Amino acid sequence: VQALACFDSPSVVAAAVKKEFGVDVSHDPNKKAASGIAP
């Protein structure tokens, strides 16, 4: 959330999460980005 709020791109954020936490995250550019996000 912090990275995206600071205008990092989703691909940059995914790479940083992989490097920092060892977790693979991906985004689907065909999905609405904020759907299902907790308040």
Full PDB file with SEQRES, HELIX, SHEET, SSBOND, CRYST1, ORIGX, SCALE, CONECT and MASTER records, all heavy atoms in Angstrom:
SEQRES   1 A   39  VAL GLN ALA LEU ALA CYS PHE ASP SER PRO SER VAL VAL          
SEQRES   2 A   39  ALA ALA ALA VAL LYS LYS GLU PHE GLY VAL ASP VAL SER          
SEQRES   3 A   39  HIS ASP PRO ASN LYS LYS ALA ALA SER GLY ILE ALA PRO          
HELIX    1 AA1 GLN A    2  ALA A    5  1                                   4    
HELIX    2 AA2 PRO A   10  PHE A   21  1                                  12    
CRYST1    1.000    1.000    1.000  90.00  90.00  90.00 P 1           1          
ORIGX1      1.000000  0.000000  0.000000        0.00000                         
ORIGX2      0.000000  1.000000  0.000000        0.00000                         
ORIGX3      0.000000  0.000000  1.000000        0.00000                         
SCALE1      1.000000  0.000000  0.000000        0.00000                         
SCALE2      0.000000  1.000000  0.000000        0.00000                         
SCALE3      0.000000  0.000000  1.000000        0.00000                         
ATOM      1  N   VAL A   1       0.841  -1.204   0.000  1.00  0.00           N  
ATOM      2  CA  VAL A   1       0.000   0.000   0.000  1.00  0.00           C  
ATOM      3  C   VAL A   1       0.874   1.251   0.000  1.00  0.00           C  
ATOM      4  O   VAL A   1       0.632   2.195  -0.760  1.00  0.00           O  
ATOM      5  CB  VAL A   1      -0.966   0.002   1.201  1.00  0.00           C  
ATOM      6  CG1 VAL A   1      -1.659   1.347   1.354  1.00  0.00           C  
ATOM      7  CG2 VAL A   1      -2.004  -1.107   1.030  1.00  0.00           C  
ATOM      8  N   GLN A   2       1.908   1.256   0.843  1.00  0.00           N  
ATOM      9  CA  GLN A   2       2.794   2.424   0.899  1.00  0.00           C  
ATOM     10  C   GLN A   2       3.486   2.659  -0.431  1.00  0.00           C  
ATOM     11  O   GLN A   2       3.557   3.797  -0.911  1.00  0.00           O  
ATOM     12  CB  GLN A   2       3.831   2.246   2.007  1.00  0.00           C  
ATOM     13  CG  GLN A   2       3.274   2.366   3.396  1.00  0.00           C  
ATOM     14  CD  GLN A   2       4.317   2.136   4.465  1.00  0.00           C  
ATOM     15  OE1 GLN A   2       5.323   1.461   4.267  1.00  0.00           O  
ATOM     16  NE2 GLN A   2       4.077   2.699   5.632  1.00  0.00           N  
ATOM     17  N   ALA A   3       3.990   1.610  -1.032  1.00  0.00           N  
ATOM     18  CA  ALA A   3       4.703   1.753  -2.306  1.00  0.00           C  
ATOM     19  C   ALA A   3       3.775   2.260  -3.411  1.00  0.00           C  
ATOM     20  O   ALA A   3       4.138   3.161  -4.177  1.00  0.00           O  
ATOM     21  CB  ALA A   3       5.340   0.423  -2.699  1.00  0.00           C  
ATOM     22  N   LEU A   4       2.582   1.697  -3.495  1.00  0.00           N  
ATOM     23  CA  LEU A   4       1.639   2.140  -4.521  1.00  0.00           C  
ATOM     24  C   LEU A   4       1.185   3.574  -4.279  1.00  0.00           C  
ATOM     25  O   LEU A   4       1.017   4.351  -5.229  1.00  0.00           O  
ATOM     26  CB  LEU A   4       0.437   1.196  -4.577  1.00  0.00           C  
ATOM     27  CG  LEU A   4       0.738  -0.222  -5.084  1.00  0.00           C  
ATOM     28  CD1 LEU A   4      -0.489  -1.111  -4.913  1.00  0.00           C  
ATOM     29  CD2 LEU A   4       1.213  -0.205  -6.527  1.00  0.00           C  
ATOM     30  N   ALA A   5       1.009   3.943  -3.020  1.00  0.00           N  
ATOM     31  CA  ALA A   5       0.596   5.314  -2.694  1.00  0.00           C  
ATOM     32  C   ALA A   5       1.674   6.321  -3.075  1.00  0.00           C  
ATOM     33  O   ALA A   5       1.377   7.483  -3.346  1.00  0.00           O  
ATOM     34  CB  ALA A   5       0.261   5.433  -1.209  1.00  0.00           C  
ATOM     35  N   CYS A   6       2.916   5.866  -3.106  1.00  0.00           N  
ATOM     36  CA  CYS A   6       4.037   6.740  -3.490  1.00  0.00           C  
ATOM     37  C   CYS A   6       4.352   6.633  -4.979  1.00  0.00           C  
ATOM     38  O   CYS A   6       5.439   6.978  -5.431  1.00  0.00           O  
ATOM     39  CB  CYS A   6       5.270   6.399  -2.653  1.00  0.00           C  
ATOM     40  SG  CYS A   6       5.080   6.798  -0.910  1.00  0.00           S  
ATOM     41  N   PHE A   7       3.379   6.134  -5.745  1.00  0.00           N  
ATOM     42  CA  PHE A   7       3.431   6.074  -7.204  1.00  0.00           C  
ATOM     43  C   PHE A   7       4.401   5.049  -7.779  1.00  0.00           C  
ATOM     44  O   PHE A   7       4.784   5.150  -8.943  1.00  0.00           O  
ATOM     45  CB  PHE A   7       3.720   7.462  -7.809  1.00  0.00           C  
ATOM     46  CG  PHE A   7       2.635   8.461  -7.545  1.00  0.00           C  
ATOM     47  CD1 PHE A   7       2.776   9.389  -6.520  1.00  0.00           C  
ATOM     48  CD2 PHE A   7       1.474   8.463  -8.292  1.00  0.00           C  
ATOM     49  CE1 PHE A   7       1.778  10.320  -6.258  1.00  0.00           C  
ATOM     50  CE2 PHE A   7       0.463   9.378  -8.036  1.00  0.00           C  
ATOM     51  CZ  PHE A   7       0.618  10.308  -7.020  1.00  0.00           C  
ATOM     52  N   ASP A   8       4.829   4.056  -6.998  1.00  0.00           N  
ATOM     53  CA  ASP A   8       5.598   2.959  -7.577  1.00  0.00           C  
ATOM     54  C   ASP A   8       4.649   2.137  -8.447  1.00  0.00           C  
ATOM     55  O   ASP A   8       3.482   1.962  -8.097  1.00  0.00           O  
ATOM     56  CB  ASP A   8       6.198   2.063  -6.495  1.00  0.00           C  
ATOM     57  CG  ASP A   8       7.342   2.726  -5.737  1.00  0.00           C  
ATOM     58  OD1 ASP A   8       7.801   3.805  -6.165  1.00  0.00           O  
ATOM     59  OD2 ASP A   8       7.775   2.157  -4.721  1.00  0.00           O  
ATOM     60  N   SER A   9       5.129   1.640  -9.553  1.00  0.00           N  
ATOM     61  CA  SER A   9       4.272   0.846 -10.436  1.00  0.00           C  
ATOM     62  C   SER A   9       4.047  -0.538  -9.824  1.00  0.00           C  
ATOM     63  O   SER A   9       4.856  -1.020  -9.035  1.00  0.00           O  
ATOM     64  CB  SER A   9       4.917   0.699 -11.810  1.00  0.00           C  
ATOM     65  OG  SER A   9       6.027  -0.175 -11.727  1.00  0.00           O  
ATOM     66  N   PRO A  10       2.939  -1.186 -10.192  1.00  0.00           N  
ATOM     67  CA  PRO A  10       2.682  -2.526  -9.667  1.00  0.00           C  
ATOM     68  C   PRO A  10       3.826  -3.512  -9.931  1.00  0.00           C  
ATOM     69  O   PRO A  10       4.155  -4.334  -9.077  1.00  0.00           O  
ATOM     70  CB  PRO A  10       1.404  -2.960 -10.382  1.00  0.00           C  
ATOM     71  CG  PRO A  10       0.697  -1.667 -10.649  1.00  0.00           C  
ATOM     72  CD  PRO A  10       1.808  -0.691 -10.981  1.00  0.00           C  
ATOM     73  N   SER A  11       4.452  -3.430 -11.089  1.00  0.00           N  
ATOM     74  CA  SER A  11       5.550  -4.352 -11.386  1.00  0.00           C  
ATOM     75  C   SER A  11       6.767  -4.066 -10.506  1.00  0.00           C  
ATOM     76  O   SER A  11       7.451  -4.998 -10.062  1.00  0.00           O  
ATOM     77  CB  SER A  11       5.926  -4.309 -12.865  1.00  0.00           C  
ATOM     78  OG  SER A  11       6.311  -3.009 -13.251  1.00  0.00           O  
ATOM     79  N   VAL A  12       7.040  -2.799 -10.223  1.00  0.00           N  
ATOM     80  CA  VAL A  12       8.145  -2.434  -9.334  1.00  0.00           C  
ATOM     81  C   VAL A  12       7.847  -2.915  -7.915  1.00  0.00           C  
ATOM     82  O   VAL A  12       8.715  -3.456  -7.226  1.00  0.00           O  
ATOM     83  CB  VAL A  12       8.402  -0.904  -9.363  1.00  0.00           C  
ATOM     84  CG1 VAL A  12       9.316  -0.464  -8.238  1.00  0.00           C  
ATOM     85  CG2 VAL A  12       8.977  -0.497 -10.711  1.00  0.00           C  
ATOM     86  N   VAL A  13       6.603  -2.750  -7.488  1.00  0.00           N  
ATOM     87  CA  VAL A  13       6.199  -3.183  -6.152  1.00  0.00           C  
ATOM     88  C   VAL A  13       6.323  -4.702  -6.032  1.00  0.00           C  
ATOM     89  O   VAL A  13       6.859  -5.216  -5.041  1.00  0.00           O  
ATOM     90  CB  VAL A  13       4.767  -2.721  -5.814  1.00  0.00           C  
ATOM     91  CG1 VAL A  13       4.304  -3.293  -4.481  1.00  0.00           C  
ATOM     92  CG2 VAL A  13       4.692  -1.202  -5.788  1.00  0.00           C  
ATOM     93  N   ALA A  14       5.863  -5.430  -7.037  1.00  0.00           N  
ATOM     94  CA  ALA A  14       5.947  -6.890  -7.005  1.00  0.00           C  
ATOM     95  C   ALA A  14       7.392  -7.354  -6.892  1.00  0.00           C  
ATOM     96  O   ALA A  14       7.707  -8.261  -6.111  1.00  0.00           O  
ATOM     97  CB  ALA A  14       5.285  -7.484  -8.249  1.00  0.00           C  
ATOM     98  N   ALA A  15       8.295  -6.727  -7.641  1.00  0.00           N  
ATOM     99  CA  ALA A  15       9.710  -7.090  -7.578  1.00  0.00           C  
ATOM    100  C   ALA A  15      10.300  -6.768  -6.207  1.00  0.00           C  
ATOM    101  O   ALA A  15      11.082  -7.544  -5.652  1.00  0.00           O  
ATOM    102  CB  ALA A  15      10.488  -6.368  -8.680  1.00  0.00           C  
ATOM    103  N   ALA A  16       9.912  -5.628  -5.639  1.00  0.00           N  
ATOM    104  CA  ALA A  16      10.417  -5.229  -4.321  1.00  0.00           C  
ATOM    105  C   ALA A  16       9.917  -6.160  -3.225  1.00  0.00           C  
ATOM    106  O   ALA A  16      10.667  -6.518  -2.312  1.00  0.00           O  
ATOM    107  CB  ALA A  16      10.016  -3.785  -4.023  1.00  0.00           C  
ATOM    108  N   VAL A  17       8.662  -6.583  -3.327  1.00  0.00           N  
ATOM    109  CA  VAL A  17       8.100  -7.521  -2.340  1.00  0.00           C  
ATOM    110  C   VAL A  17       8.831  -8.856  -2.427  1.00  0.00           C  
ATOM    111  O   VAL A  17       9.155  -9.460  -1.404  1.00  0.00           O  
ATOM    112  CB  VAL A  17       6.579  -7.690  -2.540  1.00  0.00           C  
ATOM    113  CG1 VAL A  17       6.037  -8.846  -1.733  1.00  0.00           C  
ATOM    114  CG2 VAL A  17       5.862  -6.402  -2.167  1.00  0.00           C  
ATOM    115  N   LYS A  18       9.122  -9.299  -3.619  1.00  0.00           N  
ATOM    116  CA  LYS A  18       9.870 -10.544  -3.810  1.00  0.00           C  
ATOM    117  C   LYS A  18      11.249 -10.431  -3.165  1.00  0.00           C  
ATOM    118  O   LYS A  18      11.697 -11.327  -2.451  1.00  0.00           O  
ATOM    119  CB  LYS A  18       9.983 -10.857  -5.303  1.00  0.00           C  
ATOM    120  CG  LYS A  18      10.869 -12.027  -5.642  1.00  0.00           C  
ATOM    121  CD  LYS A  18      10.239 -13.327  -5.218  1.00  0.00           C  
ATOM    122  CE  LYS A  18      11.098 -14.483  -5.731  1.00  0.00           C  
ATOM    123  NZ  LYS A  18      10.672 -15.749  -5.188  1.00  0.00           N  
ATOM    124  N   LYS A  19      11.914  -9.298  -3.385  1.00  0.00           N  
ATOM    125  CA  LYS A  19      13.265  -9.095  -2.850  1.00  0.00           C  
ATOM    126  C   LYS A  19      13.245  -8.941  -1.328  1.00  0.00           C  
ATOM    127  O   LYS A  19      14.063  -9.533  -0.635  1.00  0.00           O  
ATOM    128  CB  LYS A  19      13.886  -7.850  -3.492  1.00  0.00           C  
ATOM    129  CG  LYS A  19      15.293  -7.574  -3.035  1.00  0.00           C  
ATOM    130  CD  LYS A  19      15.881  -6.363  -3.739  1.00  0.00           C  
ATOM    131  CE  LYS A  19      17.275  -6.082  -3.220  1.00  0.00           C  
ATOM    132  NZ  LYS A  19      17.850  -4.890  -3.824  1.00  0.00           N  
ATOM    133  N   GLU A  20      12.325  -8.129  -0.808  1.00  0.00           N  
ATOM    134  CA  GLU A  20      12.291  -7.819   0.624  1.00  0.00           C  
ATOM    135  C   GLU A  20      11.717  -8.948   1.485  1.00  0.00           C  
ATOM    136  O   GLU A  20      12.168  -9.165   2.606  1.00  0.00           O  
ATOM    137  CB  GLU A  20      11.468  -6.552   0.871  1.00  0.00           C  
ATOM    138  CG  GLU A  20      12.060  -5.282   0.299  1.00  0.00           C  
ATOM    139  CD  GLU A  20      13.316  -4.837   1.023  1.00  0.00           C  
ATOM    140  OE1 GLU A  20      13.383  -4.975   2.261  1.00  0.00           O  
ATOM    141  OE2 GLU A  20      14.238  -4.365   0.345  1.00  0.00           O  
ATOM    142  N   PHE A  21      10.705  -9.629   0.964  1.00  0.00           N  
ATOM    143  CA  PHE A  21       9.972 -10.604   1.777  1.00  0.00           C  
ATOM    144  C   PHE A  21      10.026 -12.028   1.235  1.00  0.00           C  
ATOM    145  O   PHE A  21       9.547 -12.956   1.879  1.00  0.00           O  
ATOM    146  CB  PHE A  21       8.496 -10.182   1.907  1.00  0.00           C  
ATOM    147  CG  PHE A  21       8.317  -8.845   2.553  1.00  0.00           C  
ATOM    148  CD1 PHE A  21       8.108  -7.705   1.782  1.00  0.00           C  
ATOM    149  CD2 PHE A  21       8.357  -8.705   3.933  1.00  0.00           C  
ATOM    150  CE1 PHE A  21       7.934  -6.469   2.367  1.00  0.00           C  
ATOM    151  CE2 PHE A  21       8.191  -7.467   4.533  1.00  0.00           C  
ATOM    152  CZ  PHE A  21       7.983  -6.345   3.750  1.00  0.00           C  
ATOM    153  N   GLY A  22      10.566 -12.198   0.025  1.00  0.00           N  
ATOM    154  CA  GLY A  22      10.609 -13.519  -0.574  1.00  0.00           C  
ATOM    155  C   GLY A  22       9.235 -14.041  -0.968  1.00  0.00           C  
ATOM    156  O   GLY A  22       9.023 -15.244  -1.042  1.00  0.00           O  
ATOM    157  N   VAL A  23       8.302 -13.125  -1.220  1.00  0.00           N  
ATOM    158  CA  VAL A  23       6.927 -13.489  -1.550  1.00  0.00           C  
ATOM    159  C   VAL A  23       6.630 -13.064  -2.984  1.00  0.00           C  
ATOM    160  O   VAL A  23       6.903 -11.930  -3.372  1.00  0.00           O  
ATOM    161  CB  VAL A  23       5.934 -12.789  -0.588  1.00  0.00           C  
ATOM    162  CG1 VAL A  23       4.498 -13.087  -0.982  1.00  0.00           C  
ATOM    163  CG2 VAL A  23       6.201 -13.189   0.852  1.00  0.00           C  
ATOM    164  N   ASP A  24       6.092 -13.995  -3.754  1.00  0.00           N  
ATOM    165  CA  ASP A  24       5.674 -13.672  -5.119  1.00  0.00           C  
ATOM    166  C   ASP A  24       4.277 -13.084  -5.091  1.00  0.00           C  
ATOM    167  O   ASP A  24       3.348 -13.704  -4.572  1.00  0.00           O  
ATOM    168  CB  ASP A  24       5.664 -14.921  -5.997  1.00  0.00           C  
ATOM    169  CG  ASP A  24       7.058 -15.365  -6.390  1.00  0.00           C  
ATOM    170  OD1 ASP A  24       7.880 -14.500  -6.749  1.00  0.00           O  
ATOM    171  OD2 ASP A  24       7.323 -16.575  -6.333  1.00  0.00           O  
ATOM    172  N   VAL A  25       4.145 -11.885  -5.606  1.00  0.00           N  
ATOM    173  CA  VAL A  25       2.835 -11.274  -5.789  1.00  0.00           C  
ATOM    174  C   VAL A  25       2.739 -10.862  -7.251  1.00  0.00           C  
ATOM    175  O   VAL A  25       3.728 -10.557  -7.879  1.00  0.00           O  
ATOM    176  CB  VAL A  25       2.598 -10.043  -4.862  1.00  0.00           C  
ATOM    177  CG1 VAL A  25       2.550 -10.458  -3.423  1.00  0.00           C  
ATOM    178  CG2 VAL A  25       3.646  -8.978  -5.068  1.00  0.00           C  
ATOM    179  N   SER A  26       1.559 -10.905  -7.765  1.00  0.00           N  
ATOM    180  CA  SER A  26       1.371 -10.472  -9.142  1.00  0.00           C  
ATOM    181  C   SER A  26       0.083  -9.684  -9.221  1.00  0.00           C  
ATOM    182  O   SER A  26      -0.746  -9.728  -8.315  1.00  0.00           O  
ATOM    183  CB  SER A  26       1.318 -11.670 -10.084  1.00  0.00           C  
ATOM    184  OG  SER A  26       0.198 -12.466  -9.794  1.00  0.00           O  
ATOM    185  N   HIS A  27      -0.039  -8.958 -10.285  1.00  0.00           N  
ATOM    186  CA  HIS A  27      -1.273  -8.211 -10.507  1.00  0.00           C  
ATOM    187  C   HIS A  27      -1.803  -8.584 -11.878  1.00  0.00           C  
ATOM    188  O   HIS A  27      -1.054  -8.918 -12.780  1.00  0.00           O  
ATOM    189  CB  HIS A  27      -1.027  -6.704 -10.392  1.00  0.00           C  
ATOM    190  CG  HIS A  27      -0.232  -6.139 -11.533  1.00  0.00           C  
ATOM    191  ND1 HIS A  27       1.124  -6.323 -11.650  1.00  0.00           N  
ATOM    192  CD2 HIS A  27      -0.607  -5.417 -12.612  1.00  0.00           C  
ATOM    193  CE1 HIS A  27       1.546  -5.726 -12.760  1.00  0.00           C  
ATOM    194  NE2 HIS A  27       0.532  -5.174 -13.358  1.00  0.00           N  
ATOM    195  N   ASP A  28      -3.094  -8.555 -11.995  1.00  0.00           N  
ATOM    196  CA  ASP A  28      -3.746  -8.827 -13.260  1.00  0.00           C  
ATOM    197  C   ASP A  28      -4.226  -7.489 -13.817  1.00  0.00           C  
ATOM    198  O   ASP A  28      -5.149  -6.891 -13.271  1.00  0.00           O  
ATOM    199  CB  ASP A  28      -4.921  -9.778 -13.050  1.00  0.00           C  
ATOM    200  CG  ASP A  28      -5.620 -10.145 -14.355  1.00  0.00           C  
ATOM    201  OD1 ASP A  28      -5.363  -9.473 -15.384  1.00  0.00           O  
ATOM    202  OD2 ASP A  28      -6.413 -11.089 -14.333  1.00  0.00           O  
ATOM    203  N   PRO A  29      -3.582  -6.987 -14.861  1.00  0.00           N  
ATOM    204  CA  PRO A  29      -3.964  -5.677 -15.400  1.00  0.00           C  
ATOM    205  C   PRO A  29      -5.387  -5.637 -15.936  1.00  0.00           C  
ATOM    206  O   PRO A  29      -5.910  -4.567 -16.213  1.00  0.00           O  
ATOM    207  CB  PRO A  29      -2.944  -5.428 -16.509  1.00  0.00           C  
ATOM    208  CG  PRO A  29      -2.390  -6.759 -16.849  1.00  0.00           C  
ATOM    209  CD  PRO A  29      -2.512  -7.614 -15.606  1.00  0.00           C  
ATOM    210  N   ASN A  30      -6.039  -6.800 -16.061  1.00  0.00           N  
ATOM    211  CA  ASN A  30      -7.411  -6.834 -16.549  1.00  0.00           C  
ATOM    212  C   ASN A  30      -8.436  -6.705 -15.432  1.00  0.00           C  
ATOM    213  O   ASN A  30      -9.623  -6.608 -15.701  1.00  0.00           O  
ATOM    214  CB  ASN A  30      -7.660  -8.131 -17.325  1.00  0.00           C  
ATOM    215  CG  ASN A  30      -6.775  -8.217 -18.548  1.00  0.00           C  
ATOM    216  OD1 ASN A  30      -6.611  -7.245 -19.268  1.00  0.00           O  
ATOM    217  ND2 ASN A  30      -6.172  -9.370 -18.756  1.00  0.00           N  
ATOM    218  N   LYS A  31      -7.985  -6.716 -14.180  1.00  0.00           N  
ATOM    219  CA  LYS A  31      -8.905  -6.581 -13.048  1.00  0.00           C  
ATOM    220  C   LYS A  31      -8.916  -5.144 -12.550  1.00  0.00           C  
ATOM    221  O   LYS A  31      -7.920  -4.440 -12.620  1.00  0.00           O  
ATOM    222  CB  LYS A  31      -8.470  -7.489 -11.897  1.00  0.00           C  
ATOM    223  CG  LYS A  31      -8.671  -8.951 -12.169  1.00  0.00           C  
ATOM    224  CD  LYS A  31      -8.350  -9.750 -10.927  1.00  0.00           C  
ATOM    225  CE  LYS A  31      -8.607 -11.220 -11.143  1.00  0.00           C  
ATOM    226  NZ  LYS A  31      -8.270 -11.996  -9.941  1.00  0.00           N  
ATOM    227  N   LYS A  32     -10.051  -4.746 -12.014  1.00  0.00           N  
ATOM    228  CA  LYS A  32     -10.143  -3.432 -11.392  1.00  0.00           C  
ATOM    229  C   LYS A  32      -9.271  -3.460 -10.137  1.00  0.00           C  
ATOM    230  O   LYS A  32      -9.470  -4.281  -9.253  1.00  0.00           O  
ATOM    231  CB  LYS A  32     -11.594  -3.111 -11.039  1.00  0.00           C  
ATOM    232  CG  LYS A  32     -11.768  -1.723 -10.480  1.00  0.00           C  
ATOM    233  CD  LYS A  32     -13.232  -1.434 -10.211  1.00  0.00           C  
ATOM    234  CE  LYS A  32     -13.339  -0.085  -9.529  1.00  0.00           C  
ATOM    235  NZ  LYS A  32     -14.686   0.179  -9.090  1.00  0.00           N  
ATOM    236  N   ALA A  33      -8.303  -2.572 -10.057  1.00  0.00           N  
ATOM    237  CA  ALA A  33      -7.284  -2.626  -9.019  1.00  0.00           C  
ATOM    238  C   ALA A  33      -7.829  -2.582  -7.601  1.00  0.00           C  
ATOM    239  O   ALA A  33      -7.341  -3.278  -6.725  1.00  0.00           O  
ATOM    240  CB  ALA A  33      -6.279  -1.499  -9.225  1.00  0.00           C  
ATOM    241  N   ALA A  34      -8.826  -1.784  -7.327  1.00  0.00           N  
ATOM    242  CA  ALA A  34      -9.266  -1.586  -5.949  1.00  0.00           C  
ATOM    243  C   ALA A  34     -10.474  -2.431  -5.551  1.00  0.00           C  
ATOM    244  O   ALA A  34     -11.014  -2.264  -4.476  1.00  0.00           O  
ATOM    245  CB  ALA A  34      -9.567  -0.117  -5.702  1.00  0.00           C  
ATOM    246  N   SER A  35     -10.870  -3.362  -6.393  1.00  0.00           N  
ATOM    247  CA  SER A  35     -12.041  -4.164  -6.037  1.00  0.00           C  
ATOM    248  C   SER A  35     -11.692  -5.118  -4.899  1.00  0.00           C  
ATOM    249  O   SER A  35     -10.662  -5.768  -4.912  1.00  0.00           O  
ATOM    250  CB  SER A  35     -12.564  -4.934  -7.241  1.00  0.00           C  
ATOM    251  OG  SER A  35     -11.613  -5.872  -7.670  1.00  0.00           O  
ATOM    252  N   GLY A  36     -12.546  -5.162  -3.908  1.00  0.00           N  
ATOM    253  CA  GLY A  36     -12.347  -6.076  -2.794  1.00  0.00           C  
ATOM    254  C   GLY A  36     -11.314  -5.642  -1.769  1.00  0.00           C  
ATOM    255  O   GLY A  36     -10.940  -6.426  -0.908  1.00  0.00           O  
ATOM    256  N   ILE A  37     -10.840  -4.414  -1.847  1.00  0.00           N  
ATOM    257  CA  ILE A  37      -9.844  -3.919  -0.889  1.00  0.00           C  
ATOM    258  C   ILE A  37     -10.568  -3.490   0.387  1.00  0.00           C  
ATOM    259  O   ILE A  37     -11.553  -2.762   0.336  1.00  0.00           O  
ATOM    260  CB  ILE A  37      -9.057  -2.712  -1.458  1.00  0.00           C  
ATOM    261  CG1 ILE A  37      -8.385  -3.079  -2.780  1.00  0.00           C  
ATOM    262  CG2 ILE A  37      -8.054  -2.182  -0.455  1.00  0.00           C  
ATOM    263  CD1 ILE A  37      -7.283  -4.090  -2.682  1.00  0.00           C  
ATOM    264  N   ALA A  38     -10.047  -3.938   1.519  1.00  0.00           N  
ATOM    265  CA  ALA A  38     -10.651  -3.589   2.814  1.00  0.00           C  
ATOM    266  C   ALA A  38     -10.550  -2.080   3.052  1.00  0.00           C  
ATOM    267  O   ALA A  38      -9.567  -1.444   2.646  1.00  0.00           O  
ATOM    268  CB  ALA A  38      -9.954  -4.336   3.938  1.00  0.00           C  
ATOM    269  N   PRO A  39     -11.544  -1.508   3.713  1.00  0.00           N  
ATOM    270  CA  PRO A  39     -11.542  -0.067   3.983  1.00  0.00           C  
ATOM    271  C   PRO A  39     -10.290   0.433   4.699  1.00  0.00           C  
ATOM    272  O   PRO A  39      -9.815   1.528   4.420  1.00  0.00           O  
ATOM    273  CB  PRO A  39     -12.786   0.139   4.855  1.00  0.00           C  
ATOM    274  CG  PRO A  39     -13.696  -0.980   4.475  1.00  0.00           C  
ATOM    275  CD  PRO A  39     -12.790  -2.146   4.167  1.00  0.00           C  
TER     276      PRO A  39                                                      
MASTER        0    0    0    2    0    0    0    6  275    1    0    3          
END                                                                             
